[in-house]
Amino acid sequence: MIKSFILGFSVLAFLAPAAYAAESHCAEMIKEAQEAVDHGKAGHAKALVEHAEGMLEHAKGCDKEKPGNVHVKEAMKHEEEAIDHGKAGHLDIAMKHAESALEHAKGAEK
């Protein structure tokens, strides 16, 4: 009985971090996307780009945990556009893409 309990607990302890990592990447993707939008609204193009780049890193992790999720792919596509336009100084266009990325990132959680 105790051996079964220990074995079961060991398996759970081994698998739990993987499940948590998937949640944290997707959650961090949303947080970074929200930060990008918030900074864009404040007129901070450089900060928008920095958070958009952070969002992309977490989106890659989220994509590994949710392969084939269309919302993750779309969020990444829009955030790449937000980065390009933000670096070029086109804050209005960067904002549209950052907002689209945020909506898709939120959709990936559903």
PDB file of N, CA and C in Angstrom:
ATOM      1  N   MET A   1       0.826  -1.193   0.000  1.00  0.00           N
ATOM      2  CA  MET A   1       0.000   0.000   0.000  1.00  0.00           C
ATOM      3  C   MET A   1       0.867   1.252   0.000  1.00  0.00           C
ATOM      4  N   ILE A   2       1.851   1.294   0.878  1.00  0.00           N
ATOM      5  CA  ILE A   2       2.716   2.468   0.957  1.00  0.00           C
ATOM      6  C   ILE A   2       3.546   2.597  -0.318  1.00  0.00           C
ATOM      7  N   LYS A   3       3.986   1.462  -0.866  1.00  0.00           N
ATOM      8  CA  LYS A   3       4.760   1.512  -2.115  1.00  0.00           C
ATOM      9  C   LYS A   3       3.905   2.078  -3.244  1.00  0.00           C
ATOM     10  N   SER A   4       2.646   1.699  -3.298  1.00  0.00           N
ATOM     11  CA  SER A   4       1.743   2.218  -4.320  1.00  0.00           C
ATOM     12  C   SER A   4       1.557   3.728  -4.166  1.00  0.00           C
ATOM     13  N   PHE A   5       1.415   4.141  -2.914  1.00  0.00           N
ATOM     14  CA  PHE A   5       1.253   5.566  -2.648  1.00  0.00           C
ATOM     15  C   PHE A   5       2.495   6.349  -3.078  1.00  0.00           C
ATOM     16  N   ILE A   6       3.648   5.839  -2.718  1.00  0.00           N
ATOM     17  CA  ILE A   6       4.903   6.504  -3.069  1.00  0.00           C
ATOM     18  C   ILE A   6       5.083   6.535  -4.577  1.00  0.00           C
ATOM     19  N   LEU A   7       4.787   5.431  -5.244  1.00  0.00           N
ATOM     20  CA  LEU A   7       4.905   5.383  -6.703  1.00  0.00           C
ATOM     21  C   LEU A   7       3.944   6.381  -7.345  1.00  0.00           C
ATOM     22  N   GLY A   8       2.706   6.401  -6.882  1.00  0.00           N
ATOM     23  CA  GLY A   8       1.716   7.332  -7.421  1.00  0.00           C
ATOM     24  C   GLY A   8       2.113   8.782  -7.198  1.00  0.00           C
ATOM     25  N   PHE A   9       2.588   9.071  -6.006  1.00  0.00           N
ATOM     26  CA  PHE A   9       3.029  10.425  -5.696  1.00  0.00           C
ATOM     27  C   PHE A   9       4.228  10.816  -6.547  1.00  0.00           C
ATOM     28  N   SER A  10       5.154   9.891  -6.760  1.00  0.00           N
ATOM     29  CA  SER A  10       6.342  10.164  -7.571  1.00  0.00           C
ATOM     30  C   SER A  10       5.959  10.482  -9.006  1.00  0.00           C
ATOM     31  N   VAL A  11       5.028   9.729  -9.553  1.00  0.00           N
ATOM     32  CA  VAL A  11       4.572   9.985 -10.925  1.00  0.00           C
ATOM     33  C   VAL A  11       3.904  11.347 -11.000  1.00  0.00           C
ATOM     34  N   LEU A  12       3.056  11.651 -10.050  1.00  0.00           N
ATOM     35  CA  LEU A  12       2.381  12.949 -10.020  1.00  0.00           C
ATOM     36  C   LEU A  12       3.388  14.087  -9.895  1.00  0.00           C
ATOM     37  N   ALA A  13       4.356  13.920  -9.029  1.00  0.00           N
ATOM     38  CA  ALA A  13       5.378  14.948  -8.844  1.00  0.00           C
ATOM     39  C   ALA A  13       6.208  15.143 -10.103  1.00  0.00           C
ATOM     40  N   PHE A  14       6.388  14.076 -10.856  1.00  0.00           N
ATOM     41  CA  PHE A  14       7.155  14.152 -12.101  1.00  0.00           C
ATOM     42  C   PHE A  14       6.362  14.857 -13.200  1.00  0.00           C
ATOM     43  N   LEU A  15       5.073  14.586 -13.286  1.00  0.00           N
ATOM     44  CA  LEU A  15       4.251  15.147 -14.355  1.00  0.00           C
ATOM     45  C   LEU A  15       3.724  16.543 -14.060  1.00  0.00           C
ATOM     46  N   ALA A  16       3.545  16.893 -12.822  1.00  0.00           N
ATOM     47  CA  ALA A  16       2.960  18.188 -12.461  1.00  0.00           C
ATOM     48  C   ALA A  16       3.751  19.378 -12.993  1.00  0.00           C
ATOM     49  N   PRO A  17       5.086  19.391 -12.913  1.00  0.00           N
ATOM     50  CA  PRO A  17       5.808  20.553 -13.448  1.00  0.00           C
ATOM     51  C   PRO A  17       5.579  20.761 -14.945  1.00  0.00           C
ATOM     52  N   ALA A  18       5.427  19.697 -15.710  1.00  0.00           N
ATOM     53  CA  ALA A  18       5.182  19.840 -17.145  1.00  0.00           C
ATOM     54  C   ALA A  18       3.837  20.504 -17.394  1.00  0.00           C
ATOM     55  N   ALA A  19       2.831  20.105 -16.645  1.00  0.00           N
ATOM     56  CA  ALA A  19       1.509  20.721 -16.795  1.00  0.00           C
ATOM     57  C   ALA A  19       1.558  22.181 -16.371  1.00  0.00           C
ATOM     58  N   TYR A  20       2.265  22.478 -15.287  1.00  0.00           N
ATOM     59  CA  TYR A  20       2.383  23.854 -14.815  1.00  0.00           C
ATOM     60  C   TYR A  20       3.125  24.709 -15.826  1.00  0.00           C
ATOM     61  N   ALA A  21       4.180  24.162 -16.426  1.00  0.00           N
ATOM     62  CA  ALA A  21       4.960  24.920 -17.408  1.00  0.00           C
ATOM     63  C   ALA A  21       4.092  25.321 -18.586  1.00  0.00           C
ATOM     64  N   ALA A  22       3.223  24.423 -19.027  1.00  0.00           N
ATOM     65  CA  ALA A  22       2.343  24.741 -20.152  1.00  0.00           C
ATOM     66  C   ALA A  22       1.416  25.892 -19.777  1.00  0.00           C
ATOM     67  N   GLU A  23       0.862  25.836 -18.581  1.00  0.00           N
ATOM     68  CA  GLU A  23      -0.019  26.909 -18.139  1.00  0.00           C
ATOM     69  C   GLU A  23       0.748  28.209 -17.996  1.00  0.00           C
ATOM     70  N   SER A  24       1.952  28.140 -17.476  1.00  0.00           N
ATOM     71  CA  SER A  24       2.676  29.375 -17.247  1.00  0.00           C
ATOM     72  C   SER A  24       3.127  30.023 -18.550  1.00  0.00           C
ATOM     73  N   HIS A  25       3.498  29.235 -19.557  1.00  0.00           N
ATOM     74  CA  HIS A  25       3.880  29.836 -20.836  1.00  0.00           C
ATOM     75  C   HIS A  25       2.685  30.539 -21.482  1.00  0.00           C
ATOM     76  N   CYS A  26       1.550  29.880 -21.476  1.00  0.00           N
ATOM     77  CA  CYS A  26       0.366  30.493 -22.090  1.00  0.00           C
ATOM     78  C   CYS A  26      -0.095  31.710 -21.292  1.00  0.00           C
ATOM     79  N   ALA A  27      -0.041  31.605 -19.981  1.00  0.00           N
ATOM     80  CA  ALA A  27      -0.427  32.743 -19.142  1.00  0.00           C
ATOM     81  C   ALA A  27       0.543  33.906 -19.326  1.00  0.00           C
ATOM     82  N   GLU A  28       1.830  33.602 -19.389  1.00  0.00           N
ATOM     83  CA  GLU A  28       2.831  34.651 -19.607  1.00  0.00           C
ATOM     84  C   GLU A  28       2.706  35.263 -20.997  1.00  0.00           C
ATOM     85  N   MET A  29       2.318  34.462 -21.979  1.00  0.00           N
ATOM     86  CA  MET A  29       2.088  34.980 -23.325  1.00  0.00           C
ATOM     87  C   MET A  29       1.007  36.056 -23.277  1.00  0.00           C
ATOM     88  N   ILE A  30      -0.070  35.784 -22.556  1.00  0.00           N
ATOM     89  CA  ILE A  30      -1.171  36.748 -22.447  1.00  0.00           C
ATOM     90  C   ILE A  30      -0.713  37.994 -21.693  1.00  0.00           C
ATOM     91  N   LYS A  31       0.021  37.805 -20.604  1.00  0.00           N
ATOM     92  CA  LYS A  31       0.503  38.957 -19.824  1.00  0.00           C
ATOM     93  C   LYS A  31       1.400  39.854 -20.657  1.00  0.00           C
ATOM     94  N   GLU A  32       2.313  39.263 -21.398  1.00  0.00           N
ATOM     95  CA  GLU A  32       3.227  40.059 -22.236  1.00  0.00           C
ATOM     96  C   GLU A  32       2.460  40.762 -23.350  1.00  0.00           C
ATOM     97  N   ALA A  33       1.488  40.083 -23.940  1.00  0.00           N
ATOM     98  CA  ALA A  33       0.677  40.710 -24.992  1.00  0.00           C
ATOM     99  C   ALA A  33      -0.100  41.894 -24.427  1.00  0.00           C
ATOM    100  N   GLN A  34      -0.640  41.728 -23.221  1.00  0.00           N
ATOM    101  CA  GLN A  34      -1.378  42.823 -22.573  1.00  0.00           C
ATOM    102  C   GLN A  34      -0.449  43.999 -22.281  1.00  0.00           C
ATOM    103  N   GLU A  35       0.744  43.707 -21.811  1.00  0.00           N
ATOM    104  CA  GLU A  35       1.731  44.767 -21.542  1.00  0.00           C
ATOM    105  C   GLU A  35       2.084  45.510 -22.835  1.00  0.00           C
ATOM    106  N   ALA A  36       2.231  44.772 -23.925  1.00  0.00           N
ATOM    107  CA  ALA A  36       2.537  45.411 -25.209  1.00  0.00           C
ATOM    108  C   ALA A  36       1.427  46.381 -25.595  1.00  0.00           C
ATOM    109  N   VAL A  37       0.187  45.948 -25.452  1.00  0.00           N
ATOM    110  CA  VAL A  37      -0.956  46.809 -25.781  1.00  0.00           C
ATOM    111  C   VAL A  37      -0.994  48.025 -24.850  1.00  0.00           C
ATOM    112  N   ASP A  38      -0.819  47.791 -23.565  1.00  0.00           N
ATOM    113  CA  ASP A  38      -0.864  48.901 -22.602  1.00  0.00           C
ATOM    114  C   ASP A  38       0.202  49.953 -22.902  1.00  0.00           C
ATOM    115  N   HIS A  39       1.405  49.497 -23.205  1.00  0.00           N
ATOM    116  CA  HIS A  39       2.474  50.450 -23.519  1.00  0.00           C
ATOM    117  C   HIS A  39       2.220  51.150 -24.852  1.00  0.00           C
ATOM    118  N   GLY A  40       1.662  50.428 -25.796  1.00  0.00           N
ATOM    119  CA  GLY A  40       1.322  51.049 -27.072  1.00  0.00           C
ATOM    120  C   GLY A  40       0.301  52.162 -26.893  1.00  0.00           C
ATOM    121  N   LYS A  41      -0.699  51.921 -26.064  1.00  0.00           N
ATOM    122  CA  LYS A  41      -1.721  52.939 -25.792  1.00  0.00           C
ATOM    123  C   LYS A  41      -1.117  54.174 -25.132  1.00  0.00           C
ATOM    124  N   ALA A  42      -0.043  53.963 -24.376  1.00  0.00           N
ATOM    125  CA  ALA A  42       0.633  55.080 -23.705  1.00  0.00           C
ATOM    126  C   ALA A  42       1.637  55.769 -24.628  1.00  0.00           C
ATOM    127  N   GLY A  43       1.777  55.262 -25.853  1.00  0.00           N
ATOM    128  CA  GLY A  43       2.687  55.876 -26.818  1.00  0.00           C
ATOM    129  C   GLY A  43       4.128  55.421 -26.693  1.00  0.00           C
ATOM    130  N   HIS A  44       4.364  54.321 -26.008  1.00  0.00           N
ATOM    131  CA  HIS A  44       5.718  53.808 -25.792  1.00  0.00           C
ATOM    132  C   HIS A  44       6.047  52.702 -26.792  1.00  0.00           C
ATOM    133  N   ALA A  45       6.480  53.085 -27.973  1.00  0.00           N
ATOM    134  CA  ALA A  45       6.754  52.102 -29.027  1.00  0.00           C
ATOM    135  C   ALA A  45       7.854  51.124 -28.627  1.00  0.00           C
ATOM    136  N   LYS A  46       8.903  51.619 -27.983  1.00  0.00           N
ATOM    137  CA  LYS A  46      10.017  50.751 -27.597  1.00  0.00           C
ATOM    138  C   LYS A  46       9.555  49.688 -26.603  1.00  0.00           C
ATOM    139  N   ALA A  47       8.760  50.077 -25.624  1.00  0.00           N
ATOM    140  CA  ALA A  47       8.252  49.121 -24.629  1.00  0.00           C
ATOM    141  C   ALA A  47       7.277  48.140 -25.272  1.00  0.00           C
ATOM    142  N   LEU A  48       6.484  48.620 -26.226  1.00  0.00           N
ATOM    143  CA  LEU A  48       5.586  47.725 -26.952  1.00  0.00           C
ATOM    144  C   LEU A  48       6.407  46.618 -27.613  1.00  0.00           C
ATOM    145  N   VAL A  49       7.479  47.003 -28.282  1.00  0.00           N
ATOM    146  CA  VAL A  49       8.336  46.034 -28.970  1.00  0.00           C
ATOM    147  C   VAL A  49       8.955  45.052 -27.977  1.00  0.00           C
ATOM    148  N   GLU A  50       9.445  45.554 -26.855  1.00  0.00           N
ATOM    149  CA  GLU A  50      10.072  44.687 -25.854  1.00  0.00           C
ATOM    150  C   GLU A  50       9.091  43.636 -25.325  1.00  0.00           C
ATOM    151  N   HIS A  51       7.874  44.055 -25.033  1.00  0.00           N
ATOM    152  CA  HIS A  51       6.882  43.103 -24.518  1.00  0.00           C
ATOM    153  C   HIS A  51       6.379  42.177 -25.622  1.00  0.00           C
ATOM    154  N   ALA A  52       6.307  42.679 -26.839  1.00  0.00           N
ATOM    155  CA  ALA A  52       5.915  41.821 -27.956  1.00  0.00           C
ATOM    156  C   ALA A  52       6.954  40.724 -28.175  1.00  0.00           C
ATOM    157  N   GLU A  53       8.217  41.069 -28.019  1.00  0.00           N
ATOM    158  CA  GLU A  53       9.277  40.066 -28.147  1.00  0.00           C
ATOM    159  C   GLU A  53       9.195  39.040 -27.014  1.00  0.00           C
ATOM    160  N   GLY A  54       8.880  39.500 -25.810  1.00  0.00           N
ATOM    161  CA  GLY A  54       8.685  38.588 -24.687  1.00  0.00           C
ATOM    162  C   GLY A  54       7.495  37.674 -24.911  1.00  0.00           C
ATOM    163  N   MET A  55       6.446  38.236 -25.484  1.00  0.00           N
ATOM    164  CA  MET A  55       5.254  37.446 -25.791  1.00  0.00           C
ATOM    165  C   MET A  55       5.595  36.336 -26.768  1.00  0.00           C
ATOM    166  N   LEU A  56       6.399  36.652 -27.769  1.00  0.00           N
ATOM    167  CA  LEU A  56       6.772  35.639 -28.760  1.00  0.00           C
ATOM    168  C   LEU A  56       7.528  34.475 -28.125  1.00  0.00           C
ATOM    169  N   GLU A  57       8.405  34.766 -27.202  1.00  0.00           N
ATOM    170  CA  GLU A  57       9.158  33.703 -26.528  1.00  0.00           C
ATOM    171  C   GLU A  57       8.213  32.773 -25.761  1.00  0.00           C
ATOM    172  N   HIS A  58       7.267  33.353 -25.050  1.00  0.00           N
ATOM    173  CA  HIS A  58       6.312  32.526 -24.304  1.00  0.00           C
ATOM    174  C   HIS A  58       5.348  31.823 -25.258  1.00  0.00           C
ATOM    175  N   ALA A  59       5.023  32.452 -26.362  1.00  0.00           N
ATOM    176  CA  ALA A  59       4.139  31.815 -27.340  1.00  0.00           C
ATOM    177  C   ALA A  59       4.785  30.554 -27.919  1.00  0.00           C
ATOM    178  N   LYS A  60       6.096  30.588 -28.093  1.00  0.00           N
ATOM    179  CA  LYS A  60       6.797  29.390 -28.590  1.00  0.00           C
ATOM    180  C   LYS A  60       6.654  28.241 -27.598  1.00  0.00           C
ATOM    181  N   GLY A  61       6.763  28.546 -26.310  1.00  0.00           N
ATOM    182  CA  GLY A  61       6.567  27.519 -25.290  1.00  0.00           C
ATOM    183  C   GLY A  61       5.131  27.032 -25.254  1.00  0.00           C
ATOM    184  N   CYS A  62       4.193  27.953 -25.382  1.00  0.00           N
ATOM    185  CA  CYS A  62       2.778  27.607 -25.386  1.00  0.00           C
ATOM    186  C   CYS A  62       2.459  26.755 -26.617  1.00  0.00           C
ATOM    187  N   ASP A  63       3.075  27.079 -27.735  1.00  0.00           N
ATOM    188  CA  ASP A  63       2.841  26.340 -28.982  1.00  0.00           C
ATOM    189  C   ASP A  63       3.308  24.890 -28.856  1.00  0.00           C
ATOM    190  N   LYS A  64       4.364  24.660 -28.104  1.00  0.00           N
ATOM    191  CA  LYS A  64       4.845  23.291 -27.890  1.00  0.00           C
ATOM    192  C   LYS A  64       3.866  22.493 -27.041  1.00  0.00           C
ATOM    193  N   GLU A  65       3.202  23.167 -26.129  1.00  0.00           N
ATOM    194  CA  GLU A  65       2.241  22.492 -25.262  1.00  0.00           C
ATOM    195  C   GLU A  65       0.871  22.346 -25.921  1.00  0.00           C
ATOM    196  N   LYS A  66       0.574  23.219 -26.858  1.00  0.00           N
ATOM    197  CA  LYS A  66      -0.717  23.179 -27.556  1.00  0.00           C
ATOM    198  C   LYS A  66      -0.464  23.183 -29.068  1.00  0.00           C
ATOM    199  N   PRO A  67       0.205  22.134 -29.568  1.00  0.00           N
ATOM    200  CA  PRO A  67       0.542  22.121 -30.995  1.00  0.00           C
ATOM    201  C   PRO A  67      -0.711  22.183 -31.869  1.00  0.00           C
ATOM    202  N   GLY A  68      -0.609  22.968 -32.901  1.00  0.00           N
ATOM    203  CA  GLY A  68      -1.719  23.095 -33.831  1.00  0.00           C
ATOM    204  C   GLY A  68      -2.786  24.075 -33.403  1.00  0.00           C
ATOM    205  N   ASN A  69      -2.619  24.740 -32.272  1.00  0.00           N
ATOM    206  CA  ASN A  69      -3.604  25.714 -31.810  1.00  0.00           C
ATOM    207  C   ASN A  69      -3.528  26.945 -32.710  1.00  0.00           C
ATOM    208  N   VAL A  70      -4.587  27.177 -33.443  1.00  0.00           N
ATOM    209  CA  VAL A  70      -4.634  28.263 -34.426  1.00  0.00           C
ATOM    210  C   VAL A  70      -4.461  29.622 -33.755  1.00  0.00           C
ATOM    211  N   HIS A  71      -5.009  29.774 -32.567  1.00  0.00           N
ATOM    212  CA  HIS A  71      -4.912  31.070 -31.886  1.00  0.00           C
ATOM    213  C   HIS A  71      -3.470  31.405 -31.514  1.00  0.00           C
ATOM    214  N   VAL A  72      -2.709  30.414 -31.111  1.00  0.00           N
ATOM    215  CA  VAL A  72      -1.303  30.664 -30.779  1.00  0.00           C
ATOM    216  C   VAL A  72      -0.556  31.099 -32.029  1.00  0.00           C
ATOM    217  N   LYS A  73      -0.783  30.404 -33.127  1.00  0.00           N
ATOM    218  CA  LYS A  73      -0.116  30.741 -34.389  1.00  0.00           C
ATOM    219  C   LYS A  73      -0.488  32.151 -34.840  1.00  0.00           C
ATOM    220  N   GLU A  74      -1.762  32.494 -34.753  1.00  0.00           N
ATOM    221  CA  GLU A  74      -2.214  33.829 -35.162  1.00  0.00           C
ATOM    222  C   GLU A  74      -1.655  34.907 -34.234  1.00  0.00           C
ATOM    223  N   ALA A  75      -1.612  34.613 -32.950  1.00  0.00           N
ATOM    224  CA  ALA A  75      -1.051  35.576 -31.998  1.00  0.00           C
ATOM    225  C   ALA A  75       0.406  35.855 -32.344  1.00  0.00           C
ATOM    226  N   MET A  76       1.150  34.810 -32.656  1.00  0.00           N
ATOM    227  CA  MET A  76       2.560  34.972 -33.014  1.00  0.00           C
ATOM    228  C   MET A  76       2.709  35.798 -34.292  1.00  0.00           C
ATOM    229  N   LYS A  77       1.874  35.523 -35.269  1.00  0.00           N
ATOM    230  CA  LYS A  77       1.938  36.258 -36.536  1.00  0.00           C
ATOM    231  C   LYS A  77       1.692  37.753 -36.319  1.00  0.00           C
ATOM    232  N   HIS A  78       0.660  38.067 -35.548  1.00  0.00           N
ATOM    233  CA  HIS A  78       0.335  39.474 -35.307  1.00  0.00           C
ATOM    234  C   HIS A  78       1.392  40.160 -34.438  1.00  0.00           C
ATOM    235  N   GLU A  79       1.951  39.429 -33.484  1.00  0.00           N
ATOM    236  CA  GLU A  79       2.965  40.039 -32.627  1.00  0.00           C
ATOM    237  C   GLU A  79       4.240  40.312 -33.420  1.00  0.00           C
ATOM    238  N   GLU A  80       4.563  39.444 -34.377  1.00  0.00           N
ATOM    239  CA  GLU A  80       5.720  39.709 -35.252  1.00  0.00           C
ATOM    240  C   GLU A  80       5.500  40.979 -36.060  1.00  0.00           C
ATOM    241  N   GLU A  81       4.283  41.164 -36.539  1.00  0.00           N
ATOM    242  CA  GLU A  81       3.949  42.393 -37.272  1.00  0.00           C
ATOM    243  C   GLU A  81       4.033  43.606 -36.349  1.00  0.00           C
ATOM    244  N   ALA A  82       3.555  43.447 -35.117  1.00  0.00           N
ATOM    245  CA  ALA A  82       3.624  44.549 -34.147  1.00  0.00           C
ATOM    246  C   ALA A  82       5.079  44.942 -33.897  1.00  0.00           C
ATOM    247  N   ILE A  83       5.951  43.960 -33.799  1.00  0.00           N
ATOM    248  CA  ILE A  83       7.377  44.231 -33.587  1.00  0.00           C
ATOM    249  C   ILE A  83       7.955  44.994 -34.766  1.00  0.00           C
ATOM    250  N   ASP A  84       7.701  44.500 -35.965  1.00  0.00           N
ATOM    251  CA  ASP A  84       8.237  45.151 -37.170  1.00  0.00           C
ATOM    252  C   ASP A  84       7.765  46.595 -37.281  1.00  0.00           C
ATOM    253  N   HIS A  85       6.464  46.811 -37.088  1.00  0.00           N
ATOM    254  CA  HIS A  85       5.931  48.168 -37.220  1.00  0.00           C
ATOM    255  C   HIS A  85       6.353  49.062 -36.056  1.00  0.00           C
ATOM    256  N   GLY A  86       6.460  48.479 -34.871  1.00  0.00           N
ATOM    257  CA  GLY A  86       6.930  49.250 -33.719  1.00  0.00           C
ATOM    258  C   GLY A  86       8.355  49.728 -33.912  1.00  0.00           C
ATOM    259  N   LYS A  87       9.213  48.851 -34.436  1.00  0.00           N
ATOM    260  CA  LYS A  87      10.606  49.226 -34.700  1.00  0.00           C
ATOM    261  C   LYS A  87      10.703  50.286 -35.782  1.00  0.00           C
ATOM    262  N   ALA A  88       9.753  50.256 -36.723  1.00  0.00           N
ATOM    263  CA  ALA A  88       9.746  51.236 -37.810  1.00  0.00           C
ATOM    264  C   ALA A  88       9.103  52.558 -37.381  1.00  0.00           C
ATOM    265  N   GLY A  89       8.569  52.604 -36.162  1.00  0.00           N
ATOM    266  CA  GLY A  89       7.949  53.836 -35.678  1.00  0.00           C
ATOM    267  C   GLY A  89       6.500  53.997 -36.086  1.00  0.00           C
ATOM    268  N   HIS A  90       5.878  52.957 -36.578  1.00  0.00           N
ATOM    269  CA  HIS A  90       4.468  52.993 -36.990  1.00  0.00           C
ATOM    270  C   HIS A  90       3.605  52.500 -35.833  1.00  0.00           C
ATOM    271  N   LEU A  91       3.499  53.314 -34.804  1.00  0.00           N
ATOM    272  CA  LEU A  91       2.829  52.900 -33.575  1.00  0.00           C
ATOM    273  C   LEU A  91       1.370  52.535 -33.806  1.00  0.00           C
ATOM    274  N   ASP A  92       0.673  53.277 -34.661  1.00  0.00           N
ATOM    275  CA  ASP A  92      -0.752  52.993 -34.888  1.00  0.00           C
ATOM    276  C   ASP A  92      -0.953  51.599 -35.492  1.00  0.00           C
ATOM    277  N   ILE A  93      -0.118  51.239 -36.448  1.00  0.00           N
ATOM    278  CA  ILE A  93      -0.228  49.913 -37.078  1.00  0.00           C
ATOM    279  C   ILE A  93       0.249  48.837 -36.099  1.00  0.00           C
ATOM    280  N   ALA A  94       1.316  49.126 -35.373  1.00  0.00           N
ATOM    281  CA  ALA A  94       1.825  48.179 -34.374  1.00  0.00           C
ATOM    282  C   ALA A  94       0.748  47.876 -33.340  1.00  0.00           C
ATOM    283  N   MET A  95       0.009  48.896 -32.934  1.00  0.00           N
ATOM    284  CA  MET A  95      -1.055  48.718 -31.944  1.00  0.00           C
ATOM    285  C   MET A  95      -2.153  47.798 -32.454  1.00  0.00           C
ATOM    286  N   LYS A  96      -2.546  47.958 -33.695  1.00  0.00           N
ATOM    287  CA  LYS A  96      -3.600  47.099 -34.259  1.00  0.00           C
ATOM    288  C   LYS A  96      -3.168  45.639 -34.218  1.00  0.00           C
ATOM    289  N   HIS A  97      -1.913  45.396 -34.564  1.00  0.00           N
ATOM    290  CA  HIS A  97      -1.418  44.018 -34.540  1.00  0.00           C
ATOM    291  C   HIS A  97      -1.259  43.511 -33.102  1.00  0.00           C
ATOM    292  N   ALA A  98      -0.817  44.363 -32.201  1.00  0.00           N
ATOM    293  CA  ALA A  98      -0.666  43.957 -30.803  1.00  0.00           C
ATOM    294  C   ALA A  98      -2.027  43.614 -30.196  1.00  0.00           C
ATOM    295  N   GLU A  99      -3.043  44.386 -30.529  1.00  0.00           N
ATOM    296  CA  GLU A  99      -4.388  44.106 -30.022  1.00  0.00           C
ATOM    297  C   GLU A  99      -4.928  42.798 -30.597  1.00  0.00           C
ATOM    298  N   SER A 100      -4.680  42.558 -31.878  1.00  0.00           N
ATOM    299  CA  SER A 100      -5.096  41.287 -32.484  1.00  0.00           C
ATOM    300  C   SER A 100      -4.361  40.117 -31.850  1.00  0.00           C
ATOM    301  N   ALA A 101      -3.076  40.306 -31.579  1.00  0.00           N
ATOM    302  CA  ALA A 101      -2.276  39.256 -30.934  1.00  0.00           C
ATOM    303  C   ALA A 101      -2.837  38.942 -29.550  1.00  0.00           C
ATOM    304  N   LEU A 102      -3.216  39.971 -28.809  1.00  0.00           N
ATOM    305  CA  LEU A 102      -3.774  39.768 -27.477  1.00  0.00           C
ATOM    306  C   LEU A 102      -5.071  38.966 -27.548  1.00  0.00           C
ATOM    307  N   GLU A 103      -5.933  39.310 -28.464  1.00  0.00           N
ATOM    308  CA  GLU A 103      -7.206  38.588 -28.592  1.00  0.00           C
ATOM    309  C   GLU A 103      -6.966  37.114 -28.938  1.00  0.00           C
ATOM    310  N   HIS A 104      -6.036  36.850 -29.832  1.00  0.00           N
ATOM    311  CA  HIS A 104      -5.732  35.459 -30.190  1.00  0.00           C
ATOM    312  C   HIS A 104      -5.063  34.735 -29.021  1.00  0.00           C
ATOM    313  N   ALA A 105      -4.209  35.424 -28.290  1.00  0.00           N
ATOM    314  CA  ALA A 105      -3.558  34.801 -27.128  1.00  0.00           C
ATOM    315  C   ALA A 105      -4.614  34.388 -26.099  1.00  0.00           C
ATOM    316  N   LYS A 106      -5.574  35.246 -25.879  1.00  0.00           N
ATOM    317  CA  LYS A 106      -6.665  34.916 -24.953  1.00  0.00           C
ATOM    318  C   LYS A 106      -7.483  33.728 -25.489  1.00  0.00           C
ATOM    319  N   GLY A 107      -7.665  33.685 -26.797  1.00  0.00           N
ATOM    320  CA  GLY A 107      -8.405  32.581 -27.417  1.00  0.00           C
ATOM    321  C   GLY A 107      -7.702  31.250 -27.275  1.00  0.00           C
ATOM    322  N   ALA A 108      -6.389  31.283 -27.175  1.00  0.00           N
ATOM    323  CA  ALA A 108      -5.617  30.044 -27.026  1.00  0.00           C
ATOM    324  C   ALA A 108      -5.881  29.376 -25.687  1.00  0.00           C
ATOM    325  N   GLU A 109      -6.287  30.129 -24.700  1.00  0.00           N
ATOM    326  CA  GLU A 109      -6.547  29.599 -23.368  1.00  0.00           C
ATOM    327  C   GLU A 109      -7.883  28.873 -23.282  1.00  0.00           C
ATOM    328  N   LYS A 110      -8.774  29.139 -24.209  1.00  0.00           N
ATOM    329  CA  LYS A 110     -10.121  28.565 -24.154  1.00  0.00           C
ATOM    330  C   LYS A 110     -10.123  27.116 -24.576  1.00  0.00           C
TER     331      LYS A 110
END
